[in-house]
C-alpha atoms as a PDB file:
ATOM      1  CA  UNK A   1      -6.444  -6.570  37.298  1.00  0.00           C
ATOM      2  CA  UNK A   2      -4.042  -7.948  34.713  1.00  0.00           C
ATOM      3  CA  UNK A   3      -4.539  -6.508  31.242  1.00  0.00           C
ATOM      4  CA  UNK A   4      -4.986  -9.012  28.447  1.00  0.00           C
ATOM      5  CA  UNK A   5      -3.827  -8.591  24.874  1.00  0.00           C
ATOM      6  CA  UNK A   6      -6.538  -7.810  22.329  1.00  0.00           C
ATOM      7  CA  UNK A   7      -7.572 -10.816  20.263  1.00  0.00           C
ATOM      8  CA  UNK A   8      -7.768 -10.056  16.550  1.00  0.00           C
ATOM      9  CA  UNK A   9      -9.380 -13.314  15.421  1.00  0.00           C
ATOM     10  CA  UNK A  10     -12.187 -15.405  16.860  1.00  0.00           C
ATOM     11  CA  UNK A  11     -10.715 -18.405  18.713  1.00  0.00           C
ATOM     12  CA  UNK A  12     -13.642 -20.561  17.528  1.00  0.00           C
ATOM     13  CA  UNK A  13     -14.000 -19.809  13.792  1.00  0.00           C
ATOM     14  CA  UNK A  14     -10.936 -17.669  12.981  1.00  0.00           C
ATOM     15  CA  UNK A  15     -12.887 -14.682  11.631  1.00  0.00           C
ATOM     16  CA  UNK A  16     -12.149 -11.060  12.591  1.00  0.00           C
ATOM     17  CA  UNK A  17     -13.569  -9.815  15.879  1.00  0.00           C
ATOM     18  CA  UNK A  18     -15.283  -6.458  16.447  1.00  0.00           C
ATOM     19  CA  UNK A  19     -14.500  -4.362  19.486  1.00  0.00           C
ATOM     20  CA  UNK A  20     -17.842  -3.379  21.041  1.00  0.00           C
ATOM     21  CA  UNK A  21     -16.842  -1.385  24.101  1.00  0.00           C
ATOM     22  CA  UNK A  22     -14.125   1.163  24.855  1.00  0.00           C
ATOM     23  CA  UNK A  23     -13.537   2.417  28.380  1.00  0.00           C
ATOM     24  CA  UNK A  24     -11.361   5.105  29.945  1.00  0.00           C
ATOM     25  CA  UNK A  25      -9.220   3.768  32.795  1.00  0.00           C
ATOM     26  CA  UNK A  26      -9.026   7.214  34.364  1.00  0.00           C
ATOM     27  CA  UNK A  27     -12.613   8.482  34.529  1.00  0.00           C
ATOM     28  CA  UNK A  28     -14.619   5.370  33.700  1.00  0.00           C
ATOM     29  CA  UNK A  29     -16.304   6.793  30.592  1.00  0.00           C
ATOM     30  CA  UNK A  30     -17.423   3.987  28.288  1.00  0.00           C
ATOM     31  CA  UNK A  31     -18.394   4.045  24.631  1.00  0.00           C
ATOM     32  CA  UNK A  32     -20.277   1.178  23.052  1.00  0.00           C
ATOM     33  CA  UNK A  33     -20.637   0.356  19.379  1.00  0.00           C
ATOM     34  CA  UNK A  34     -18.890  -1.669  16.710  1.00  0.00           C
ATOM     35  CA  UNK A  35     -15.255  -0.710  16.207  1.00  0.00           C
ATOM     36  CA  UNK A  36     -12.820  -2.305  13.783  1.00  0.00           C
ATOM     37  CA  UNK A  37      -9.395  -3.284  15.019  1.00  0.00           C
ATOM     38  CA  UNK A  38      -6.349  -2.230  13.024  1.00  0.00           C
ATOM     39  CA  UNK A  39      -4.968  -4.765  10.585  1.00  0.00           C
ATOM     40  CA  UNK A  40      -1.857  -5.226  12.759  1.00  0.00           C
ATOM     41  CA  UNK A  41      -4.105  -6.208  15.683  1.00  0.00           C
ATOM     42  CA  UNK A  42      -5.441  -9.059  13.557  1.00  0.00           C
ATOM     43  CA  UNK A  43      -1.975 -10.580  13.062  1.00  0.00           C
ATOM     44  CA  UNK A  44      -1.097 -13.712  14.987  1.00  0.00           C
ATOM     45  CA  UNK A  45       1.142 -13.271  18.047  1.00  0.00           C
ATOM     46  CA  UNK A  46       3.993 -14.859  16.045  1.00  0.00           C
ATOM     47  CA  UNK A  47       3.528 -12.368  13.198  1.00  0.00           C
ATOM     48  CA  UNK A  48       3.405  -9.432  15.638  1.00  0.00           C
ATOM     49  CA  UNK A  49       6.614 -10.614  17.326  1.00  0.00           C
ATOM     50  CA  UNK A  50       8.336 -10.836  13.927  1.00  0.00           C
ATOM     51  CA  UNK A  51       7.103  -7.354  12.924  1.00  0.00           C
ATOM     52  CA  UNK A  52       8.417  -5.995  16.231  1.00  0.00           C
ATOM     53  CA  UNK A  53      11.907  -7.420  15.586  1.00  0.00           C
ATOM     54  CA  UNK A  54      11.817  -6.340  11.923  1.00  0.00           C
ATOM     55  CA  UNK A  55      10.916  -2.735  12.791  1.00  0.00           C
ATOM     56  CA  UNK A  56      13.370  -2.597  15.704  1.00  0.00           C
ATOM     57  CA  UNK A  57      16.115  -3.569  13.247  1.00  0.00           C
ATOM     58  CA  UNK A  58      14.881  -1.009  10.690  1.00  0.00           C
ATOM     59  CA  UNK A  59      14.124  -3.718   8.150  1.00  0.00           C
ATOM     60  CA  UNK A  60      17.738  -4.878   8.025  1.00  0.00           C
ATOM     61  CA  UNK A  61      17.321  -8.550   7.221  1.00  0.00           C
ATOM     62  CA  UNK A  62      20.874  -9.394   8.326  1.00  0.00           C
ATOM     63  CA  UNK A  63      20.161  -7.971  11.787  1.00  0.00           C
ATOM     64  CA  UNK A  64      16.815  -9.816  11.941  1.00  0.00           C
ATOM     65  CA  UNK A  65      18.708 -13.027  11.053  1.00  0.00           C
ATOM     66  CA  UNK A  66      21.145 -12.445  13.920  1.00  0.00           C
ATOM     67  CA  UNK A  67      18.514 -11.572  16.509  1.00  0.00           C
ATOM     68  CA  UNK A  68      16.213 -14.472  15.695  1.00  0.00           C
ATOM     69  CA  UNK A  69      18.985 -16.944  14.857  1.00  0.00           C
ATOM     70  CA  UNK A  70      17.398 -17.868  11.523  1.00  0.00           C
ATOM     71  CA  UNK A  71      18.584 -17.873   7.906  1.00  0.00           C
ATOM     72  CA  UNK A  72      17.997 -15.212   5.251  1.00  0.00           C
ATOM     73  CA  UNK A  73      15.438 -17.375   3.377  1.00  0.00           C
ATOM     74  CA  UNK A  74      13.557 -17.984   6.638  1.00  0.00           C
ATOM     75  CA  UNK A  75      13.421 -14.241   7.346  1.00  0.00           C
ATOM     76  CA  UNK A  76      12.115 -13.647   3.812  1.00  0.00           C
ATOM     77  CA  UNK A  77       9.504 -16.399   4.204  1.00  0.00           C
ATOM     78  CA  UNK A  78       8.290 -14.958   7.505  1.00  0.00           C
ATOM     79  CA  UNK A  79       8.171 -11.478   6.005  1.00  0.00           C
ATOM     80  CA  UNK A  80       6.166 -12.802   3.042  1.00  0.00           C
ATOM     81  CA  UNK A  81       3.815 -14.508   5.496  1.00  0.00           C
ATOM     82  CA  UNK A  82       3.225 -11.215   7.348  1.00  0.00           C
ATOM     83  CA  UNK A  83       2.709  -9.360   4.060  1.00  0.00           C
ATOM     84  CA  UNK A  84       0.088 -11.915   3.003  1.00  0.00           C
ATOM     85  CA  UNK A  85      -1.598 -11.805   6.432  1.00  0.00           C
ATOM     86  CA  UNK A  86      -1.950  -8.026   6.051  1.00  0.00           C
ATOM     87  CA  UNK A  87      -3.824  -8.637   2.804  1.00  0.00           C
ATOM     88  CA  UNK A  88      -1.121  -7.663   0.324  1.00  0.00           C
ATOM     89  CA  UNK A  89      -0.034  -9.724  -2.654  1.00  0.00           C
ATOM     90  CA  UNK A  90       3.284 -11.519  -2.235  1.00  0.00           C
ATOM     91  CA  UNK A  91       5.511 -11.623  -5.315  1.00  0.00           C
ATOM     92  CA  UNK A  92       6.872 -15.012  -6.318  1.00  0.00           C
ATOM     93  CA  UNK A  93      10.579 -15.440  -5.619  1.00  0.00           C
ATOM     94  CA  UNK A  94      12.789 -15.221  -8.709  1.00  0.00           C
ATOM     95  CA  UNK A  95      13.619 -18.950  -8.600  1.00  0.00           C
ATOM     96  CA  UNK A  96       9.961 -19.875  -8.988  1.00  0.00           C
ATOM     97  CA  UNK A  97       9.712 -17.636 -12.032  1.00  0.00           C
ATOM     98  CA  UNK A  98      12.817 -19.248 -13.499  1.00  0.00           C
ATOM     99  CA  UNK A  99      14.648 -15.916 -13.524  1.00  0.00           C
ATOM    100  CA  UNK A 100      18.053 -16.744 -12.033  1.00  0.00           C
ATOM    101  CA  UNK A 101      19.492 -13.418 -13.220  1.00  0.00           C
ATOM    102  CA  UNK A 102      17.013 -11.466 -11.121  1.00  0.00           C
ATOM    103  CA  UNK A 103      17.813 -13.626  -8.113  1.00  0.00           C
ATOM    104  CA  UNK A 104      21.554 -13.017  -8.526  1.00  0.00           C
ATOM    105  CA  UNK A 105      20.859  -9.293  -8.817  1.00  0.00           C
ATOM    106  CA  UNK A 106      18.792  -9.422  -5.601  1.00  0.00           C
ATOM    107  CA  UNK A 107      21.707 -11.101  -3.786  1.00  0.00           C
ATOM    108  CA  UNK A 108      24.145  -8.422  -4.964  1.00  0.00           C
ATOM    109  CA  UNK A 109      21.682  -5.673  -3.971  1.00  0.00           C
ATOM    110  CA  UNK A 110      21.245  -7.234  -0.508  1.00  0.00           C
ATOM    111  CA  UNK A 111      25.040  -7.230  -0.176  1.00  0.00           C
ATOM    112  CA  UNK A 112      25.201  -3.566  -1.229  1.00  0.00           C
ATOM    113  CA  UNK A 113      22.580  -2.638   1.397  1.00  0.00           C
ATOM    114  CA  UNK A 114      24.555  -4.499   4.064  1.00  0.00           C
ATOM    115  CA  UNK A 115      21.770  -7.036   4.661  1.00  0.00           C
ATOM    116  CA  UNK A 116      24.106  -9.974   4.024  1.00  0.00           C
ATOM    117  CA  UNK A 117      27.868 -10.423   4.345  1.00  0.00           C
ATOM    118  CA  UNK A 118      30.221 -10.917   1.403  1.00  0.00           C
ATOM    119  CA  UNK A 119      30.711 -14.549   2.463  1.00  0.00           C
ATOM    120  CA  UNK A 120      26.945 -15.124   2.513  1.00  0.00           C
ATOM    121  CA  UNK A 121      26.616 -13.498  -0.917  1.00  0.00           C
ATOM    122  CA  UNK A 122      29.333 -15.733  -2.365  1.00  0.00           C
ATOM    123  CA  UNK A 123      27.683 -18.842  -0.885  1.00  0.00           C
ATOM    124  CA  UNK A 124      24.272 -17.845  -2.240  1.00  0.00           C
ATOM    125  CA  UNK A 125      25.663 -17.016  -5.690  1.00  0.00           C
ATOM    126  CA  UNK A 126      27.545 -20.321  -5.875  1.00  0.00           C
ATOM    127  CA  UNK A 127      24.378 -22.200  -4.933  1.00  0.00           C
ATOM    128  CA  UNK A 128      22.563 -20.747  -7.952  1.00  0.00           C
END
């Protein structure tokens, strides 16, 4: 029998689902009750796929960009979306706060960590 992936959200109303039965594939023992799923299980398949790529690349945004073929801002937006889906507060980007200096600093720090190339840093700094 083909194993199906655990659903984290109700397909009808979108609320969290409870697991009510656990079973051992080896001996057949079954336990019934109400069990919470982990917060990662409640992520959408798209979020889980992004988290998988992000972790595989050790959080290196430049590598995530390359693997997914998307831009730095898109990686950041997807990461912010996952952070919010996990229930954490997402900080506003520096541009929304009107703090261009902080944004420039973030670009230089990303360059120092090797997350973006020197050419990308120059382009981003010139765009500010």
